[in-house]
């Protein structure tokens, strides 16, 4: 399911117009983005937790040339599924 299909499905379930649902979904995504950008986390009970973690710098190997390379430190987005979502997928 892509974003357009998601918006259509939510609009149908909620009984709202697609234009209104699109605004709500976009606001939801933008709110998560801004919170993660500021280093916070977003916890949605039953769904999961979005957070930002830092990966330390490390040494690696270029698989093509087999030469050692230095991989810089970086921030990554992490998602941990909530209990209800985990149970639903099982």
Protein backbone atom coordinates (compact mmCIF):
# COMPACT_ATOMS: atom_id res chain seq x y z
CA UNK A 1 0.00 0.00 0.00
CA UNK A 2 1.42 3.38 -0.97
CA UNK A 3 0.58 6.76 0.54
CA UNK A 4 -2.28 7.50 -1.88
CA UNK A 5 -3.90 4.13 -1.21
CA UNK A 6 -3.40 4.65 2.53
CA UNK A 7 -5.15 8.03 2.40
CA UNK A 8 -8.04 6.53 0.43
CA UNK A 9 -8.43 3.66 2.91
CA UNK A 10 -8.37 5.97 5.93
CA UNK A 11 -10.87 8.34 4.29
CA UNK A 12 -13.23 5.45 3.60
CA UNK A 13 -12.97 4.02 7.13
CA UNK A 14 -13.37 7.41 8.83
CA UNK A 15 -16.04 8.70 6.47
CA UNK A 16 -14.09 11.86 5.61
CA UNK A 17 -13.32 13.49 2.28
CA UNK A 18 -10.02 12.49 0.71
CA UNK A 19 -8.77 16.08 0.72
CA UNK A 20 -9.35 16.40 4.47
CA UNK A 21 -7.80 13.00 5.14
CA UNK A 22 -4.77 13.91 3.05
CA UNK A 23 -4.23 17.02 5.19
CA UNK A 24 -4.48 14.97 8.39
CA UNK A 25 -2.10 12.24 7.18
CA UNK A 26 0.43 14.82 5.96
CA UNK A 27 0.21 16.70 9.28
CA UNK A 28 0.71 13.42 11.15
CA UNK A 29 3.83 12.58 9.11
CA UNK A 30 5.24 16.12 9.38
CA UNK A 31 4.74 16.06 13.15
CA UNK A 32 6.67 12.80 13.45
CA UNK A 33 9.43 14.18 11.18
CA UNK A 34 9.82 17.38 13.20
CA UNK A 35 9.90 15.52 16.52
CA UNK A 36 12.55 13.08 15.27
CA UNK A 37 14.54 15.93 13.73
CA UNK A 38 14.72 17.62 17.13
CA UNK A 39 15.99 14.39 18.69
CA UNK A 40 12.76 13.37 20.41
CA UNK A 41 10.68 10.25 20.10
CA UNK A 42 7.06 9.54 19.21
CA UNK A 43 5.22 6.79 21.08
CA UNK A 44 1.80 5.71 19.83
CA UNK A 45 0.23 3.30 22.30
CA UNK A 46 -0.45 -0.08 20.71
CA UNK A 47 1.31 0.87 17.47
CA UNK A 48 4.94 1.53 18.35
CA UNK A 49 7.72 3.97 19.07
CA UNK A 50 9.72 6.03 16.56
CA UNK A 51 13.09 7.23 17.86
CA UNK A 52 16.51 8.39 16.70
CA UNK A 53 19.64 6.53 17.72
CA UNK A 54 23.27 7.22 16.99
CA UNK A 55 25.51 4.65 15.37
CA UNK A 56 29.16 4.97 16.28
CA UNK A 57 31.91 5.33 13.69
CA UNK A 58 33.44 2.01 12.71
CA UNK A 59 35.79 0.36 10.31
CA UNK A 60 34.45 -1.70 7.43
CA UNK A 61 35.54 -3.39 4.23
CA UNK A 62 34.61 -2.32 0.71
CA UNK A 63 33.09 -5.55 -0.70
CA UNK A 64 34.19 -4.76 -4.24
CA UNK A 65 37.85 -3.90 -3.61
CA UNK A 66 38.30 -5.61 -0.22
CA UNK A 67 40.02 -2.44 1.03
CA UNK A 68 39.38 -1.23 4.58
CA UNK A 69 37.21 1.89 4.84
CA UNK A 70 36.14 4.17 7.65
CA UNK A 71 32.38 4.42 8.16
CA UNK A 72 31.46 7.71 9.88
CA UNK A 73 29.08 8.06 12.83
CA UNK A 74 25.48 8.77 11.89
CA UNK A 75 21.98 9.03 13.22
CA UNK A 76 19.35 6.48 12.20
CA UNK A 77 15.59 6.24 12.69
CA UNK A 78 14.46 3.28 14.73
CA UNK A 79 10.94 1.83 15.00
CA UNK A 80 9.94 -0.59 17.73
CA UNK A 81 6.52 -2.17 17.23
CA UNK A 82 4.03 -2.03 20.08
CA UNK A 83 2.49 -5.11 21.68
CA UNK A 84 -0.83 -4.89 19.82
CA UNK A 85 0.89 -4.53 16.43
CA UNK A 86 3.29 -7.38 17.22
CA UNK A 87 0.44 -9.65 18.28
CA UNK A 88 -1.56 -8.80 15.16
CA UNK A 89 1.30 -9.76 12.86
CA UNK A 90 2.05 -13.09 14.58
